[in-house]
Amino acid sequence: MLKTKKLASGLMCTLLACMLLIGACSNGSNSSPTEKKDAEGGKQSSQPLKLSWMLEDNPNQPILSDTPVVREILGQTNVQLQLEAVPTSSYEERKSALIATNNIPDLLTVDLNDIQMFARTGIFLNISDYLDQAPNFKKAIEGRDDFKKMLVDGHLYAFPTLEYYRVAVAPQPLMRVDLLEELNLEEPRTFDELFDVLLAFKEAYPESIPFVGSRRGTTYMLGQLAYPMGAGGFEGFSETGMYFEPREDKYVYGPTSENYKDVVAYLNKLYSHGLLDPDYAVNTQEMAVEKLSSGRSLFTYDNNTHAVRLFNPAIAEINPKAKFDTIGPLQNQYGETRSLRYEQDWLGTSTAISSQVKDPEAVIRFMDWLYSEEGMLVTNFGIEGETYEMKDGKPNILQKILDDHKDQQDVFSATQSTLGVGYLTFAKYVHEGTLADISEDLLIEMSEYIDRLTEEGTIRFMGIDPPFTEEESETLRKVEVQVTTIFEQNVDRFIMGTRPMSEWDAFRQQMMDAGVDKIEKIYNDALSRL
């Protein structure tokens, strides 16, 4: 369900015109020099090109080092991938340590913040110098306006993960709708009505956890709830509390906006009534999924596909009548019904190349192959005839492969893990046809619903931050740490009630004094330059 706009006509000109002729260092990598690849994109050379690649290992889909795809890539391109899978819980720490010591692998999964903060240090290869050798990539980025926000001083330093075909996904309120019928309750349409329903759940099932909170602690929970409730900011949609507020047509720092106090007060109300998981601040993905899949927790606000892929298959084994479903975007206390969906493409999940690779041209050609039709099929479906077949012009995973994983809680993720394919591995041009093919009708209905609400304007694509100058980036590094530290050290105290909401205004002023105005000005100045 890829929807694209026409790319600003000058984007490719900007990328190509701004090329700098820099040399790549010749040490620090295990990569081998290679010969030129033939014009059709065959093998890179007579000797394998060894590339180390550090990836985030998502618990839903473990990364395996020896898969059909890894072997097929070696066979087709003569690139031998040496994968280092680092658990999600420790990935940021590991990545930061490697960057700090200038000891990154050949390929490294990075986010936009990494690109903005470290591109100018020279640790990442300036890809703009080699775009003439990346025709597949240049074709793939046509029509993607947000792509230019990845540039640092007009240059590209990482290959983004792009959509080839994607099932529409958005954080949505997910509820045990079977309990609404059982308790003769109306589906909530507002956040106030949601509170009443969760309270009724608690009264009917005193041992339950009505609202799990989130799968990544406090800031992720706030990131899902703040925008629908009239404010915005934080994990899932921004690295910090900054977000774009369409009402004001500008970036604002969420926690100091007028409406954010009401978001925290609402969570405090849930917590004080025993409706919010007392462990919300320390929940991991594994903990949250277990609570929702076992029937202990009855509501979450998160990725809509989790209801179909994770919660429902597991809970059906306990209670065949149990079912999680979306209850639609909820109206907030200001009379608005609004929600965000994940950004178009995954620009925040990009791959940087170490500037110390011995043969940057060969690495660029390999990365470009990943955006080719051939590379897309291999990294999303595997090997034709062995793991997938073409039907009516569409790739389909073989049924025998799916049958091998039919007893898994999440058939899609288990299949992807075994084959070594898809977004949670190293696919750069993602095709989610398998997810659509094997999913229940409920997931497709959700996808169509999200697309429809997007067209109506109720759901908006989240944006990505605008590119900053070196001076702006340096100021942000200092000021955002100060402001975020103040926020994170106090927000749980307000939610848990150990600090009264009557002190919120003083807390807000403390964040303002730490430099919120500076942050907002930098963001909006950067936006005005686009």
Protein backbone atom coordinates (compact mmCIF):
# COMPACT_ATOMS: atom_id res chain seq x y z
CA MET A 1 0.00 0.00 0.00
CA LEU A 2 2.77 2.23 -0.99
CA LYS A 3 1.65 5.79 -1.52
CA THR A 4 4.21 8.25 -2.86
CA LYS A 5 4.39 11.87 -3.85
CA LYS A 6 6.52 13.32 -6.62
CA LEU A 7 10.00 13.99 -5.31
CA ALA A 8 11.09 17.59 -5.36
CA SER A 9 12.74 17.98 -8.74
CA GLY A 10 16.01 19.18 -7.34
CA LEU A 11 16.62 16.36 -4.87
CA MET A 12 18.74 14.14 -7.05
CA CYS A 13 20.52 17.17 -8.44
CA THR A 14 21.31 18.25 -4.91
CA LEU A 15 22.65 14.82 -4.02
CA LEU A 16 24.80 14.57 -7.12
CA ALA A 17 25.94 18.18 -7.31
CA CYS A 18 27.07 18.19 -3.68
CA MET A 19 29.41 15.20 -4.08
CA LEU A 20 32.75 15.62 -2.35
CA LEU A 21 35.81 13.79 -3.61
CA ILE A 22 37.05 12.23 -0.41
CA GLY A 23 39.23 9.15 -0.07
CA ALA A 24 38.30 6.21 2.07
CA CYS A 25 40.80 5.08 4.70
CA SER A 26 42.53 1.80 4.00
CA ASN A 27 42.61 0.20 7.43
CA GLY A 28 40.27 -1.08 10.11
CA SER A 29 38.15 -3.39 7.96
CA ASN A 30 38.21 -7.03 7.03
CA SER A 31 36.80 -6.23 3.58
CA SER A 32 38.80 -7.30 0.53
CA PRO A 33 39.42 -5.20 -2.60
CA THR A 34 37.17 -6.31 -5.43
CA GLU A 35 36.91 -6.06 -9.16
CA LYS A 36 34.25 -3.99 -10.89
CA LYS A 37 30.84 -5.63 -10.99
CA ASP A 38 29.42 -6.31 -14.44
CA ALA A 39 26.77 -3.98 -15.80
CA GLU A 40 23.91 -6.33 -14.97
CA GLY A 41 24.82 -6.60 -11.28
CA GLY A 42 26.29 -10.08 -11.09
CA LYS A 43 29.02 -11.26 -8.76
CA GLN A 44 31.25 -8.59 -7.31
CA SER A 45 34.58 -10.36 -7.95
CA SER A 46 36.37 -13.70 -8.10
CA GLN A 47 37.14 -13.47 -4.37
CA PRO A 48 34.33 -13.09 -1.79
CA LEU A 49 33.86 -9.62 -0.36
CA LYS A 50 33.55 -10.09 3.39
CA LEU A 51 31.35 -7.54 5.11
CA SER A 52 30.62 -7.36 8.83
CA TRP A 53 27.14 -6.02 9.61
CA MET A 54 25.80 -5.24 13.08
CA LEU A 55 22.02 -5.49 13.37
CA GLU A 56 19.44 -5.08 16.09
CA ASP A 57 18.14 -8.50 17.13
CA ASN A 58 14.41 -8.14 17.73
CA PRO A 59 13.03 -10.83 20.10
CA ASN A 60 10.04 -11.33 17.78
CA GLN A 61 12.33 -12.37 14.94
CA PRO A 62 15.81 -13.56 15.96
CA ILE A 63 18.55 -13.02 13.40
CA LEU A 64 20.31 -16.23 12.37
CA SER A 65 23.80 -16.13 10.90
CA ASP A 66 23.41 -19.02 8.43
CA THR A 67 20.15 -18.76 6.49
CA PRO A 68 19.08 -19.44 2.89
CA VAL A 69 19.26 -15.71 2.19
CA VAL A 70 22.81 -15.31 3.50
CA ARG A 71 23.89 -18.23 1.33
CA GLU A 72 21.96 -16.93 -1.69
CA ILE A 73 23.57 -13.51 -1.38
CA LEU A 74 26.98 -15.14 -1.41
CA GLY A 75 26.02 -17.16 -4.47
CA GLN A 76 24.57 -14.24 -6.41
CA THR A 77 26.87 -11.37 -5.41
CA ASN A 78 29.93 -13.09 -3.92
CA VAL A 79 29.42 -11.03 -0.76
CA GLN A 80 29.95 -12.97 2.45
CA LEU A 81 27.97 -11.35 5.24
CA GLN A 82 29.24 -11.74 8.77
CA LEU A 83 26.26 -10.79 10.91
CA GLU A 84 26.50 -9.56 14.48
CA ALA A 85 23.05 -9.66 16.07
CA VAL A 86 22.84 -7.50 19.19
CA PRO A 87 19.71 -7.77 21.38
CA THR A 88 17.36 -4.80 21.22
CA SER A 89 17.81 -4.19 24.95
CA SER A 90 21.54 -3.54 24.56
CA TYR A 91 21.84 -2.38 20.96
CA GLU A 92 22.01 1.35 21.67
CA GLU A 93 24.72 0.86 24.28
CA ARG A 94 26.78 -1.36 21.99
CA LYS A 95 26.39 0.96 19.02
CA SER A 96 27.34 4.04 21.04
CA ALA A 97 30.46 2.32 22.37
CA LEU A 98 31.63 1.37 18.89
CA ILE A 99 31.00 4.85 17.50
CA ALA A 100 32.78 6.46 20.45
CA THR A 101 35.89 4.34 19.84
CA ASN A 102 35.76 4.73 16.04
CA ASN A 103 35.55 0.96 15.73
CA ILE A 104 32.32 0.31 13.85
CA PRO A 105 31.80 -2.74 11.61
CA ASP A 106 31.67 -2.38 7.82
CA LEU A 107 27.88 -1.94 7.96
CA LEU A 108 25.95 -0.60 10.93
CA THR A 109 22.23 -0.11 11.54
CA VAL A 110 21.77 3.50 12.62
CA ASP A 111 18.95 5.94 13.28
CA LEU A 112 18.53 9.54 12.17
CA ASN A 113 19.99 10.84 15.41
CA ASP A 114 23.20 8.88 14.79
CA ILE A 115 23.45 10.32 11.30
CA GLN A 116 22.93 13.89 12.49
CA MET A 117 25.34 13.55 15.40
CA PHE A 118 28.21 11.65 13.85
CA ALA A 119 28.22 12.05 10.06
CA ARG A 120 30.46 15.11 10.23
CA THR A 121 33.10 13.24 12.22
CA GLY A 122 33.98 11.21 9.16
CA ILE A 123 33.11 7.85 10.73
CA PHE A 124 30.48 7.08 8.05
CA LEU A 125 31.14 6.89 4.33
CA ASN A 126 29.80 9.83 2.33
CA ILE A 127 27.49 7.90 0.01
CA SER A 128 26.83 10.94 -2.18
CA ASP A 129 30.31 10.48 -3.67
CA TYR A 130 29.26 7.13 -5.12
CA LEU A 131 25.64 7.61 -6.21
CA ASP A 132 26.55 7.25 -9.86
CA GLN A 133 27.15 3.59 -9.01
CA ALA A 134 23.76 3.14 -7.34
CA PRO A 135 21.14 3.26 -10.11
CA ASN A 136 18.69 0.94 -8.33
CA PHE A 137 18.79 3.05 -5.19
CA LYS A 138 18.31 6.30 -7.11
CA LYS A 139 15.27 4.82 -8.82
CA ALA A 140 13.86 3.57 -5.49
CA ILE A 141 14.00 6.98 -3.80
CA GLU A 142 12.09 8.79 -6.55
CA GLY A 143 8.87 10.20 -5.13
CA ARG A 144 9.89 10.19 -1.48
CA ASP A 145 9.87 13.76 -0.22
CA ASP A 146 10.97 13.00 3.35
CA PHE A 147 14.17 11.47 2.05
CA LYS A 148 15.89 14.86 1.90
CA LYS A 149 15.60 15.14 5.69
CA MET A 150 18.26 12.44 5.93
CA LEU A 151 20.89 14.66 4.33
CA VAL A 152 23.63 16.25 6.40
CA ASP A 153 25.00 19.41 4.78
CA GLY A 154 23.50 18.16 1.52
CA HIS A 155 25.15 14.74 1.68
CA LEU A 156 23.86 11.22 2.28
CA TYR A 157 25.54 9.05 4.90
CA ALA A 158 23.25 6.03 5.23
CA PHE A 159 21.04 3.83 3.08
CA PRO A 160 17.42 3.99 4.34
CA THR A 161 15.01 1.09 4.55
CA LEU A 162 12.28 1.71 1.96
CA GLU A 163 8.83 0.30 1.27
CA TYR A 164 8.26 -1.78 -1.82
CA TYR A 165 4.90 -2.96 -0.54
CA ARG A 166 3.69 -2.45 3.00
CA VAL A 167 0.66 -3.43 5.04
CA ALA A 168 -0.64 -0.25 6.69
CA VAL A 169 0.36 -0.18 10.35
CA ALA A 170 -0.33 2.32 13.12
CA PRO A 171 -0.40 2.40 16.92
CA GLN A 172 -4.03 1.97 17.85
CA PRO A 173 -6.06 1.19 21.00
CA LEU A 174 -6.23 -2.62 21.19
CA MET A 175 -8.84 -4.08 23.52
CA ARG A 176 -10.32 -7.41 24.51
CA VAL A 177 -13.53 -6.76 22.61
CA ASP A 178 -15.02 -10.08 23.72
CA LEU A 179 -15.20 -8.65 27.25
CA LEU A 180 -17.24 -5.69 26.02
CA GLU A 181 -19.90 -8.11 24.88
CA GLU A 182 -19.58 -10.27 27.98
CA LEU A 183 -20.01 -7.30 30.33
CA ASN A 184 -22.60 -5.58 28.12
CA LEU A 185 -20.37 -2.52 27.62
CA GLU A 186 -20.37 -0.09 24.72
CA GLU A 187 -17.13 0.29 22.77
CA PRO A 188 -15.42 3.43 24.11
CA ARG A 189 -15.20 6.38 21.74
CA THR A 190 -13.36 8.84 23.97
CA PHE A 191 -10.52 8.62 26.46
CA ASP A 192 -12.97 9.33 29.27
CA GLU A 193 -15.11 6.40 28.15
CA LEU A 194 -11.95 4.28 27.94
CA PHE A 195 -11.33 4.96 31.62
CA ASP A 196 -14.86 3.83 32.47
CA VAL A 197 -14.47 0.61 30.48
CA LEU A 198 -11.11 -0.21 32.08
CA LEU A 199 -12.65 0.41 35.49
CA ALA A 200 -15.47 -2.01 34.63
CA PHE A 201 -12.88 -4.59 33.53
CA LYS A 202 -11.10 -4.23 36.87
CA GLU A 203 -14.32 -4.63 38.83
CA ALA A 204 -15.24 -7.77 36.87
CA TYR A 205 -11.71 -9.20 36.97
CA PRO A 206 -9.95 -7.84 40.09
CA GLU A 207 -6.74 -9.78 39.42
CA SER A 208 -6.36 -8.40 35.92
CA ILE A 209 -4.13 -5.60 34.65
CA PRO A 210 -6.56 -3.53 32.57
CA PHE A 211 -3.86 -1.47 30.81
CA VAL A 212 -0.37 -2.93 30.40
CA GLY A 213 1.15 0.48 29.70
CA SER A 214 3.70 -0.29 27.00
CA ARG A 215 6.36 -2.73 25.88
CA ARG A 216 9.25 -0.30 26.37
CA GLY A 217 8.67 1.59 29.57
CA THR A 218 7.47 5.10 30.28
CA THR A 219 8.62 7.16 27.32
CA TYR A 220 7.32 4.64 24.80
CA MET A 221 3.92 4.63 26.52
CA LEU A 222 3.86 8.42 26.36
CA GLY A 223 4.90 8.32 22.73
CA GLN A 224 1.83 6.26 21.83
CA LEU A 225 -0.68 8.23 23.90
CA ALA A 226 0.46 11.86 23.82
CA TYR A 227 -0.45 12.74 20.23
CA PRO A 228 -3.95 11.19 20.26
CA MET A 229 -4.59 12.94 23.58
CA GLY A 230 -3.71 16.37 22.14
CA ALA A 231 0.03 16.75 22.71
CA GLY A 232 2.93 14.66 21.36
CA GLY A 233 6.50 13.47 21.52
CA PHE A 234 8.66 10.57 22.65
CA GLU A 235 9.50 7.04 21.63
CA GLY A 236 7.95 5.50 18.59
CA PHE A 237 7.60 8.94 17.05
CA SER A 238 10.60 10.96 18.19
CA GLU A 239 13.86 10.41 20.03
CA THR A 240 13.03 13.30 22.33
CA GLY A 241 9.86 15.13 23.28
CA MET A 242 9.93 17.19 20.07
CA TYR A 243 7.15 16.66 17.55
CA PHE A 244 5.36 18.50 14.74
CA GLU A 245 2.05 19.99 15.88
CA PRO A 246 -0.26 20.44 12.85
CA ARG A 247 -2.54 22.83 14.77
CA GLU A 248 0.34 25.28 15.04
CA ASP A 249 2.18 24.21 11.90
CA LYS A 250 5.46 24.00 13.78
CA TYR A 251 7.62 21.83 16.01
CA VAL A 252 6.99 22.03 19.73
CA TYR A 253 8.46 20.31 22.78
CA GLY A 254 5.61 18.08 23.93
CA PRO A 255 6.09 18.04 27.72
CA THR A 256 5.99 21.85 27.96
CA SER A 257 2.96 22.22 25.69
CA GLU A 258 -0.30 23.19 27.33
CA ASN A 259 -1.97 19.81 26.79
CA TYR A 260 0.77 17.53 28.08
CA LYS A 261 -0.21 18.01 31.69
CA ASP A 262 -3.57 16.41 30.88
CA VAL A 263 -1.85 13.35 29.38
CA VAL A 264 0.15 12.77 32.56
CA ALA A 265 -2.86 13.52 34.78
CA TYR A 266 -4.86 10.88 32.86
CA LEU A 267 -2.14 8.28 33.44
CA ASN A 268 -2.00 9.25 37.10
CA LYS A 269 -5.75 8.67 37.30
CA LEU A 270 -5.37 5.23 35.73
CA TYR A 271 -2.51 4.37 38.08
CA SER A 272 -4.29 5.54 41.23
CA HIS A 273 -7.32 3.39 40.37
CA GLY A 274 -5.21 0.29 39.78
CA LEU A 275 -5.91 0.29 36.04
CA LEU A 276 -2.35 0.88 34.84
CA ASP A 277 0.20 -1.89 35.25
CA PRO A 278 2.27 -1.09 38.36
CA ASP A 279 5.30 -2.33 36.38
CA TYR A 280 4.62 -0.09 33.37
CA ALA A 281 7.91 1.80 33.79
CA VAL A 282 10.06 -1.33 33.52
CA ASN A 283 8.04 -3.46 31.11
CA THR A 284 10.02 -5.01 28.27
CA GLN A 285 8.49 -6.30 25.07
CA GLU A 286 8.64 -9.85 26.35
CA MET A 287 6.89 -8.89 29.60
CA ALA A 288 4.13 -6.93 27.90
CA VAL A 289 3.43 -9.57 25.25
CA GLU A 290 3.22 -12.27 27.92
CA LYS A 291 0.69 -10.29 29.95
CA LEU A 292 -1.48 -9.54 26.93
CA SER A 293 -1.21 -13.01 25.44
CA SER A 294 -2.03 -14.81 28.67
CA GLY A 295 -5.17 -12.85 29.49
CA ARG A 296 -3.63 -10.99 32.43
CA SER A 297 -3.82 -7.65 30.64
CA LEU A 298 -6.81 -6.47 28.64
CA PHE A 299 -5.77 -3.32 26.79
CA THR A 300 -2.77 -1.66 25.17
CA TYR A 301 -2.12 1.22 22.78
CA ASP A 302 0.39 -0.06 20.25
CA ASN A 303 1.14 -1.52 16.82
CA ASN A 304 -2.17 -2.86 15.52
CA THR A 305 -0.58 -5.95 13.94
CA HIS A 306 0.38 -7.27 17.37
CA ALA A 307 -3.25 -8.09 18.08
CA VAL A 308 -3.42 -10.45 15.11
CA ARG A 309 0.13 -11.80 15.11
CA LEU A 310 0.94 -12.06 18.83
CA PHE A 311 -1.98 -11.73 21.21
CA ASN A 312 -4.91 -13.48 19.55
CA PRO A 313 -3.20 -16.75 18.51
CA ALA A 314 -1.84 -17.25 22.04
CA ILE A 315 -4.92 -16.26 24.00
CA ALA A 316 -7.22 -18.34 21.78
CA GLU A 317 -5.54 -21.45 23.17
CA ILE A 318 -6.63 -20.36 26.65
CA ASN A 319 -10.02 -18.94 25.74
CA PRO A 320 -11.37 -19.51 22.19
CA LYS A 321 -13.75 -16.55 22.61
CA ALA A 322 -11.01 -14.09 23.57
CA LYS A 323 -10.11 -11.51 20.94
CA PHE A 324 -8.12 -8.30 20.74
CA ASP A 325 -9.23 -5.77 18.14
CA THR A 326 -8.83 -2.09 17.43
CA ILE A 327 -11.47 0.21 18.88
CA GLY A 328 -10.61 3.08 16.57
CA PRO A 329 -8.88 6.41 17.29
CA LEU A 330 -10.37 7.90 20.45
CA GLN A 331 -11.63 11.44 20.84
CA ASN A 332 -9.64 13.47 23.34
CA GLN A 333 -10.96 16.00 25.82
CA TYR A 334 -10.50 18.83 23.32
CA GLY A 335 -12.95 17.26 20.89
CA GLU A 336 -10.22 16.06 18.51
CA THR A 337 -9.89 12.59 17.05
CA ARG A 338 -6.39 12.22 15.75
CA SER A 339 -3.70 9.60 15.52
CA LEU A 340 -0.31 8.92 13.97
CA ARG A 341 0.95 6.06 11.86
CA TYR A 342 4.55 5.07 11.46
CA GLU A 343 6.51 7.08 8.93
CA GLN A 344 6.31 6.25 5.28
CA ASP A 345 9.35 4.04 4.71
CA TRP A 346 11.70 3.36 7.62
CA LEU A 347 14.12 6.26 7.26
CA GLY A 348 14.97 5.92 10.94
CA THR A 349 16.27 2.39 10.30
CA SER A 350 19.20 3.00 8.00
CA THR A 351 22.53 1.38 7.21
CA ALA A 352 25.74 3.36 7.43
CA ILE A 353 28.99 2.20 5.85
CA SER A 354 32.24 2.58 7.72
CA SER A 355 34.50 5.16 6.05
CA GLN A 356 37.36 2.70 6.62
CA VAL A 357 36.12 -0.01 4.25
CA LYS A 358 38.90 -0.89 1.81
CA ASP A 359 36.75 -0.91 -1.30
CA PRO A 360 33.87 1.55 -0.89
CA GLU A 361 32.78 1.23 -4.52
CA ALA A 362 32.25 -2.51 -4.12
CA VAL A 363 30.26 -1.99 -0.90
CA ILE A 364 28.11 0.65 -2.61
CA ARG A 365 27.40 -1.71 -5.50
CA PHE A 366 26.34 -4.41 -3.06
CA MET A 367 24.04 -2.04 -1.18
CA ASP A 368 22.58 -0.90 -4.50
CA TRP A 369 21.86 -4.54 -5.39
CA LEU A 370 19.66 -4.77 -2.29
CA TYR A 371 17.34 -2.18 -3.91
CA SER A 372 17.16 -4.04 -7.22
CA GLU A 373 14.21 -6.25 -8.11
CA GLU A 374 16.44 -9.27 -7.70
CA GLY A 375 17.79 -8.09 -4.34
CA MET A 376 14.31 -7.23 -3.11
CA LEU A 377 13.04 -10.74 -3.90
CA VAL A 378 16.00 -12.46 -2.27
CA THR A 379 15.92 -10.40 0.94
CA ASN A 380 12.15 -10.67 1.35
CA PHE A 381 11.34 -14.13 0.01
CA GLY A 382 14.56 -16.11 -0.29
CA ILE A 383 15.29 -18.45 -3.19
CA GLU A 384 12.82 -18.96 -6.02
CA GLY A 385 11.77 -22.58 -6.24
CA GLU A 386 13.24 -23.39 -2.85
CA THR A 387 11.49 -20.96 -0.50
CA TYR A 388 9.06 -19.08 -2.76
CA GLU A 389 7.36 -19.23 -6.12
CA MET A 390 5.85 -16.65 -8.46
CA LYS A 391 2.08 -16.76 -8.94
CA ASP A 392 0.33 -14.28 -11.21
CA GLY A 393 3.43 -12.12 -11.08
CA LYS A 394 3.55 -12.06 -7.27
CA PRO A 395 6.04 -13.82 -4.98
CA ASN A 396 4.55 -16.33 -2.52
CA ILE A 397 6.37 -18.21 0.22
CA LEU A 398 5.96 -21.96 -0.39
CA GLN A 399 3.24 -23.55 1.68
CA LYS A 400 5.62 -26.23 2.96
CA ILE A 401 7.77 -23.48 4.48
CA LEU A 402 4.76 -21.96 6.22
CA ASP A 403 3.62 -25.39 7.40
CA ASP A 404 6.98 -25.89 9.10
CA HIS A 405 6.10 -22.95 11.35
CA LYS A 406 2.36 -23.46 11.77
CA ASP A 407 2.73 -24.30 15.46
CA GLN A 408 4.58 -21.06 16.23
CA GLN A 409 2.75 -18.25 18.00
CA ASP A 410 3.79 -15.81 15.28
CA VAL A 411 4.00 -17.75 12.02
CA PHE A 412 5.08 -14.71 10.03
CA SER A 413 8.01 -13.74 12.25
CA ALA A 414 9.12 -17.35 12.73
CA THR A 415 9.16 -17.88 8.96
CA GLN A 416 11.02 -14.63 8.37
CA SER A 417 13.61 -15.58 11.00
CA THR A 418 14.28 -19.03 9.56
CA LEU A 419 14.65 -17.72 6.01
CA GLY A 420 16.55 -14.61 7.11
CA VAL A 421 14.26 -12.19 5.29
CA GLY A 422 12.29 -9.00 5.85
CA TYR A 423 12.46 -5.70 7.65
CA LEU A 424 13.81 -7.12 10.91
CA THR A 425 16.83 -8.56 9.11
CA PHE A 426 18.71 -6.59 6.47
CA ALA A 427 16.16 -6.09 3.69
CA LYS A 428 16.49 -2.51 2.45
CA TYR A 429 13.54 -2.62 0.05
CA VAL A 430 10.80 -4.27 2.10
CA HIS A 431 7.95 -6.27 0.58
CA GLU A 432 5.32 -7.40 3.12
CA GLY A 433 3.38 -9.62 0.75
CA THR A 434 3.91 -12.64 2.98
CA LEU A 435 2.34 -10.85 5.93
CA ALA A 436 -0.70 -9.99 3.83
CA ASP A 437 -0.98 -13.48 2.36
CA ILE A 438 -0.87 -15.46 5.61
CA SER A 439 -2.71 -13.06 7.90
CA GLU A 440 -6.27 -13.34 9.03
CA ASP A 441 -8.84 -11.15 7.34
CA LEU A 442 -8.78 -9.03 10.50
CA LEU A 443 -5.30 -7.70 9.73
CA ILE A 444 -6.23 -6.72 6.18
CA GLU A 445 -9.38 -5.05 7.50
CA MET A 446 -7.24 -3.10 9.95
CA SER A 447 -4.87 -2.10 7.18
CA GLU A 448 -7.67 -0.86 4.94
CA TYR A 449 -9.19 0.99 7.90
CA ILE A 450 -5.90 2.75 8.66
CA ASP A 451 -5.49 3.72 5.00
CA ARG A 452 -9.03 5.07 4.89
CA LEU A 453 -8.56 7.18 8.03
CA THR A 454 -5.28 8.43 6.60
CA GLU A 455 -7.03 9.60 3.45
CA GLU A 456 -9.64 11.32 5.61
CA GLY A 457 -6.96 13.08 7.65
CA THR A 458 -7.78 11.47 11.02
CA ILE A 459 -4.50 9.55 10.91
CA ARG A 460 -1.31 11.26 9.80
CA PHE A 461 2.06 9.86 8.85
CA MET A 462 4.63 10.71 11.46
CA GLY A 463 7.38 12.87 10.04
CA ILE A 464 11.08 12.78 10.64
CA ASP A 465 13.19 15.59 12.02
CA PRO A 466 14.58 18.18 9.59
CA PRO A 467 18.35 18.19 8.98
CA PHE A 468 20.41 20.46 11.24
CA THR A 469 23.63 22.38 10.74
CA GLU A 470 26.70 21.32 12.67
CA GLU A 471 26.28 24.22 15.08
CA GLU A 472 22.60 23.38 15.62
CA SER A 473 23.42 19.72 16.20
CA GLU A 474 26.02 20.63 18.80
CA THR A 475 23.57 22.89 20.64
CA LEU A 476 20.87 20.21 20.54
CA ARG A 477 23.23 17.59 21.95
CA LYS A 478 23.84 19.74 24.99
CA VAL A 479 20.41 21.24 25.59
CA GLU A 480 18.27 18.18 24.83
CA VAL A 481 20.20 16.10 27.34
CA GLN A 482 19.54 18.68 30.04
CA VAL A 483 15.83 18.96 29.29
CA THR A 484 15.27 15.23 28.78
CA THR A 485 17.05 14.40 32.02
CA ILE A 486 14.77 16.71 33.97
CA PHE A 487 11.73 15.16 32.31
CA GLU A 488 12.71 11.53 32.78
CA GLN A 489 13.71 12.02 36.41
CA ASN A 490 10.29 13.41 37.28
CA VAL A 491 7.52 12.18 35.00
CA ASP A 492 7.08 8.81 36.73
CA ARG A 493 6.72 10.59 40.03
CA PHE A 494 3.73 12.47 38.65
CA ILE A 495 2.19 9.34 37.11
CA MET A 496 2.64 7.31 40.30
CA GLY A 497 1.45 10.17 42.51
CA THR A 498 4.60 10.61 44.56
CA ARG A 499 4.75 14.16 43.22
CA PRO A 500 1.40 15.97 43.07
CA MET A 501 0.05 17.34 39.80
CA SER A 502 -0.20 20.71 41.54
CA GLU A 503 3.57 20.98 41.05
CA TRP A 504 3.40 20.41 37.29
CA ASP A 505 3.62 24.09 36.35
CA ALA A 506 6.81 24.49 38.36
CA PHE A 507 8.19 21.35 36.71
CA ARG A 508 7.24 22.73 33.30
CA GLN A 509 9.05 25.96 34.04
CA GLN A 510 12.14 24.02 35.09
CA MET A 511 12.24 22.37 31.65
CA MET A 512 11.66 25.74 29.97
CA ASP A 513 14.56 27.27 31.90
CA ALA A 514 16.80 24.41 30.76
CA GLY A 515 16.47 25.56 27.15
CA VAL A 516 13.22 24.39 25.53
CA ASP A 517 12.94 27.66 23.57
CA LYS A 518 16.38 27.03 22.04
CA ILE A 519 15.39 23.52 20.97
CA GLU A 520 12.13 24.66 19.40
CA LYS A 521 13.83 27.50 17.52
CA ILE A 522 16.47 25.19 16.06
CA TYR A 523 13.87 22.71 14.85
CA ASN A 524 11.68 25.33 13.25
CA ASP A 525 14.60 27.17 11.68
CA ALA A 526 15.71 23.87 10.16
CA LEU A 527 12.18 23.20 8.93
CA SER A 528 12.03 26.61 7.24
CA ARG A 529 15.11 25.76 5.17
CA LEU A 530 13.52 22.74 3.49
